[in-house]
Amino acid sequence: MIKKQYTEEFKEQLLKECQEVGNVSLVALRHNISSNTIHGWIRSIRKRGSVKPLHRNEEKRILEIEKRLEDVSRENNTLKKLLGEKELELAIIRELRDRVNPR
């Protein structure tokens, strides 16, 4: 079996992607590379002191924020609908008032 050689540029690109995504396994699957290979790159770069530790909770945090955004969007749509209904009710009341008490 031939050992595949990756360029330093490619390794840096994947390590940056790992930091952004926060999940080495996911990046490894995307690029059809063993996660152990990427972890080896991370270890060697950490020894040189040129990469920040990965934040494993970032993906969880992003999912929580996305769920909260969905909830707030749903609530916002409900409030917009209620506001529209109230504006319609107010317009009807004003029209009835003007019919009963013309100015």
Protein backbone atom coordinates (compact mmCIF):
# COMPACT_ATOMS: atom_id res chain seq x y z
CA MET A 1 0.00 0.00 0.00
CA ILE A 2 1.38 3.39 -1.00
CA LYS A 3 1.46 6.06 1.67
CA LYS A 4 -0.20 9.23 0.41
CA GLN A 5 1.74 12.48 0.77
CA TYR A 6 -0.17 15.69 1.45
CA THR A 7 1.19 19.19 0.87
CA GLU A 8 1.71 21.53 3.80
CA GLU A 9 -0.87 23.87 2.23
CA PHE A 10 -3.46 21.10 2.17
CA LYS A 11 -2.70 20.16 5.78
CA GLU A 12 -3.03 23.79 6.91
CA GLN A 13 -6.30 24.13 5.02
CA LEU A 14 -7.74 21.03 6.69
CA LEU A 15 -6.52 22.08 10.14
CA LYS A 16 -8.15 25.48 9.67
CA GLU A 17 -11.37 23.75 8.62
CA CYS A 18 -11.15 21.54 11.73
CA GLN A 19 -10.91 24.63 13.91
CA GLU A 20 -13.88 26.28 12.18
CA VAL A 21 -16.06 23.17 12.27
CA GLY A 22 -14.85 21.97 15.65
CA ASN A 23 -15.06 18.33 14.60
CA VAL A 24 -12.02 16.49 13.21
CA SER A 25 -14.01 13.36 12.32
CA LEU A 26 -16.45 15.33 10.18
CA VAL A 27 -13.65 17.06 8.27
CA ALA A 28 -11.88 13.71 7.82
CA LEU A 29 -15.05 12.18 6.34
CA ARG A 30 -15.52 15.14 4.00
CA HIS A 31 -12.02 14.69 2.58
CA ASN A 32 -11.85 10.89 2.79
CA ILE A 33 -8.87 10.98 5.17
CA SER A 34 -8.39 9.08 8.39
CA SER A 35 -9.16 11.19 11.44
CA ASN A 36 -6.01 9.69 13.01
CA THR A 37 -3.97 11.29 10.22
CA ILE A 38 -5.45 14.70 10.97
CA HIS A 39 -4.95 14.22 14.71
CA GLY A 40 -1.30 13.42 13.96
CA TRP A 41 -0.97 16.70 12.04
CA ILE A 42 -2.55 18.54 14.96
CA ARG A 43 -0.12 16.94 17.43
CA SER A 44 2.90 17.82 15.33
CA ILE A 45 1.76 21.42 14.86
CA ARG A 46 0.94 21.78 18.57
CA LYS A 47 4.48 20.66 19.37
CA ARG A 48 5.67 23.58 17.26
CA GLY A 49 3.14 25.78 19.09
CA SER A 50 1.41 27.18 16.01
CA VAL A 51 -2.19 26.04 16.38
CA LYS A 52 -4.91 26.74 18.93
CA PRO A 53 -6.67 23.83 20.64
CA LEU A 54 -9.92 22.77 18.99
CA HIS A 55 -13.13 23.78 20.70
CA ARG A 56 -15.23 20.64 20.92
CA ASN A 57 -18.22 22.52 22.33
CA GLU A 58 -18.44 24.96 19.41
CA GLU A 59 -20.67 22.70 17.30
CA LYS A 60 -23.01 22.10 20.25
CA ARG A 61 -23.11 25.85 20.93
CA ILE A 62 -23.91 26.59 17.29
CA LEU A 63 -26.76 24.04 17.31
CA GLU A 64 -28.19 25.63 20.47
CA ILE A 65 -28.00 29.09 18.88
CA GLU A 66 -29.68 27.82 15.70
CA LYS A 67 -32.50 26.26 17.74
CA ARG A 68 -32.93 29.51 19.68
CA LEU A 69 -33.02 31.42 16.39
CA GLU A 70 -35.76 29.11 15.09
CA ASP A 71 -37.77 29.63 18.29
CA VAL A 72 -37.39 33.41 18.12
CA SER A 73 -38.29 33.44 14.41
CA ARG A 74 -41.42 31.38 15.12
CA GLU A 75 -42.38 33.72 17.96
CA ASN A 76 -41.72 36.75 15.75
CA ASN A 77 -43.99 35.36 13.02
CA THR A 78 -46.75 34.74 15.59
CA LEU A 79 -46.44 38.29 16.88
CA LYS A 80 -46.55 39.71 13.34
CA LYS A 81 -49.75 37.75 12.69
CA LEU A 82 -51.31 39.01 15.94
CA LEU A 83 -50.31 42.58 15.10
CA GLY A 84 -51.95 42.27 11.68
CA GLU A 85 -55.15 40.95 13.27
CA LYS A 86 -55.20 43.80 15.82
CA GLU A 87 -54.62 46.40 13.10
CA LEU A 88 -57.55 44.93 11.15
CA GLU A 89 -59.76 44.97 14.26
CA LEU A 90 -58.81 48.59 14.92
CA ALA A 91 -59.59 49.57 11.32
CA ILE A 92 -63.03 47.91 11.59
CA ILE A 93 -63.75 49.64 14.92
CA ARG A 94 -62.76 53.03 13.47
CA GLU A 95 -64.94 52.47 10.42
CA LEU A 96 -67.93 51.54 12.62
CA ARG A 97 -67.27 54.56 14.84
CA ASP A 98 -67.24 56.87 11.82
CA ARG A 99 -70.54 55.41 10.56
CA VAL A 100 -72.23 55.88 13.94
CA ASN A 101 -70.71 59.30 14.70
CA PRO A 102 -69.84 61.02 11.42
CA ARG A 103 -67.66 64.07 11.88
